[in-house]
Amino acid sequence: MKLKEIIEKLQLKVLAGQDKLDVEVTGGYTSDLLSDVIANSKEGNLWITLQTHQNIIAVAKLKDLSGIIIVNNREPDEDTLQKANEENVSLLGSEETAFEVSGKLHKLISS
């Protein structure tokens, strides 16, 4: 499923990386521990987290993730948004919890 379809269906807000919305999402990974995401996420996964600092962009780039969803209505700072745009990483926002977003994403991708 394309990232732009997921954005529409989950009513996500695009915060940065608007140029990369046509990528294919292969699955999802939910974690707030960067080392866990590095060790266990797969290329093309959509990462769900409440982290908002710049290091999330580096992890997404390293693992070639399809994007990052920041949950709980958290807002990344301007430096993180700028880094996401520079690195062409799609950064998305949701008011919902990680649990809610994970469940909805799983249902979308597995159907």
Protein backbone atom coordinates (compact mmCIF):
# COMPACT_ATOMS: atom_id res chain seq x y z
CA MET A 1 0.00 0.00 0.00
CA LYS A 2 1.29 3.47 -0.84
CA LEU A 3 2.12 5.88 1.96
CA LYS A 4 -0.27 8.52 0.59
CA GLU A 5 -3.17 6.04 0.86
CA ILE A 6 -2.30 5.31 4.49
CA ILE A 7 -2.09 9.04 5.24
CA GLU A 8 -5.58 9.52 3.84
CA LYS A 9 -7.15 6.49 5.54
CA LEU A 10 -5.58 7.16 8.95
CA GLN A 11 -6.12 10.92 8.65
CA LEU A 12 -2.47 11.68 9.33
CA LYS A 13 -0.95 15.13 9.10
CA VAL A 14 2.07 15.48 6.81
CA LEU A 15 4.71 17.39 8.79
CA ALA A 16 7.70 16.99 6.46
CA GLY A 17 8.97 14.98 3.51
CA GLN A 18 6.04 15.62 1.19
CA ASP A 19 8.08 14.46 -1.82
CA LYS A 20 8.22 10.83 -0.69
CA LEU A 21 4.53 9.98 -0.32
CA ASP A 22 4.44 7.56 -3.26
CA VAL A 23 6.63 4.97 -1.53
CA GLU A 24 5.34 1.49 -0.84
CA VAL A 25 4.80 0.63 2.84
CA THR A 26 5.82 -2.95 3.55
CA GLY A 27 4.65 -3.08 7.17
CA GLY A 28 4.83 -1.19 10.42
CA TYR A 29 7.04 -1.07 13.47
CA THR A 30 6.12 0.51 16.80
CA SER A 31 8.83 1.43 19.29
CA ASP A 32 10.24 4.41 21.15
CA LEU A 33 13.66 2.85 21.63
CA LEU A 34 15.98 3.80 18.77
CA SER A 35 18.25 0.78 19.19
CA ASP A 36 15.20 -1.49 19.00
CA VAL A 37 14.09 0.11 15.72
CA ILE A 38 17.61 -0.24 14.31
CA ALA A 39 17.77 -3.90 15.31
CA ASN A 40 14.27 -5.02 14.34
CA SER A 41 12.52 -2.79 11.80
CA LYS A 42 12.56 -3.76 8.14
CA GLU A 43 13.15 -1.72 5.01
CA GLY A 44 9.90 -0.06 3.93
CA ASN A 45 8.31 -0.19 7.39
CA LEU A 46 6.34 2.77 8.68
CA TRP A 47 7.69 3.59 12.15
CA ILE A 48 5.25 4.60 14.89
CA THR A 49 6.78 6.50 17.83
CA LEU A 50 6.32 9.35 20.27
CA GLN A 51 9.94 10.49 19.85
CA THR A 52 10.33 13.92 18.21
CA HIS A 53 14.08 14.63 18.20
CA GLN A 54 16.41 14.68 15.18
CA ASN A 55 17.83 11.21 15.82
CA ILE A 56 14.60 9.62 14.56
CA ILE A 57 15.40 10.98 11.09
CA ALA A 58 18.83 9.35 11.14
CA VAL A 59 17.33 5.99 12.16
CA ALA A 60 14.65 6.18 9.44
CA LYS A 61 17.30 6.97 6.85
CA LEU A 62 19.65 4.22 8.08
CA LYS A 63 16.91 1.58 7.89
CA ASP A 64 15.30 2.97 4.70
CA LEU A 65 11.91 3.23 6.38
CA SER A 66 8.91 4.49 4.42
CA GLY A 67 8.25 7.18 7.02
CA ILE A 68 7.64 8.02 10.67
CA ILE A 69 4.33 8.60 12.45
CA ILE A 70 4.63 10.70 15.59
CA VAL A 71 1.71 9.93 17.90
CA ASN A 72 -0.07 11.57 20.87
CA ASN A 73 -0.27 14.90 19.03
CA ARG A 74 3.42 15.54 19.75
CA GLU A 75 5.12 18.18 17.64
CA PRO A 76 8.73 17.88 16.45
CA ASP A 77 10.89 20.98 16.76
CA GLU A 78 11.92 23.03 13.76
CA ASP A 79 15.36 21.36 13.56
CA THR A 80 13.75 17.92 13.25
CA LEU A 81 11.38 19.14 10.53
CA GLN A 82 14.26 20.71 8.64
CA LYS A 83 16.35 17.53 8.91
CA ALA A 84 13.42 15.42 7.67
CA ASN A 85 13.04 17.64 4.62
CA GLU A 86 16.80 17.64 3.94
CA GLU A 87 16.97 13.83 4.19
CA ASN A 88 13.65 13.35 2.34
CA VAL A 89 12.06 11.40 5.20
CA SER A 90 8.26 11.56 5.47
CA LEU A 91 7.30 12.72 8.93
CA LEU A 92 3.64 12.35 9.84
CA GLY A 93 1.55 13.26 12.86
CA SER A 94 -1.42 11.70 14.63
CA GLU A 95 -3.52 12.69 17.62
CA GLU A 96 -4.05 9.03 18.45
CA THR A 97 -1.94 6.77 20.66
CA ALA A 98 0.68 4.36 19.33
CA PHE A 99 -1.66 1.50 20.18
CA GLU A 100 -4.53 2.94 18.14
CA VAL A 101 -2.36 3.83 15.14
CA SER A 102 -0.62 0.44 15.20
CA GLY A 103 -3.92 -1.43 15.18
CA LYS A 104 -5.34 0.63 12.34
CA LEU A 105 -2.15 0.33 10.28
CA HIS A 106 -2.04 -3.43 10.80
CA LYS A 107 -5.65 -3.77 9.67
CA LEU A 108 -4.99 -1.67 6.54
CA ILE A 109 -1.84 -3.49 5.48
CA SER A 110 -3.03 -7.02 6.23
CA SER A 111 -6.37 -6.70 4.45
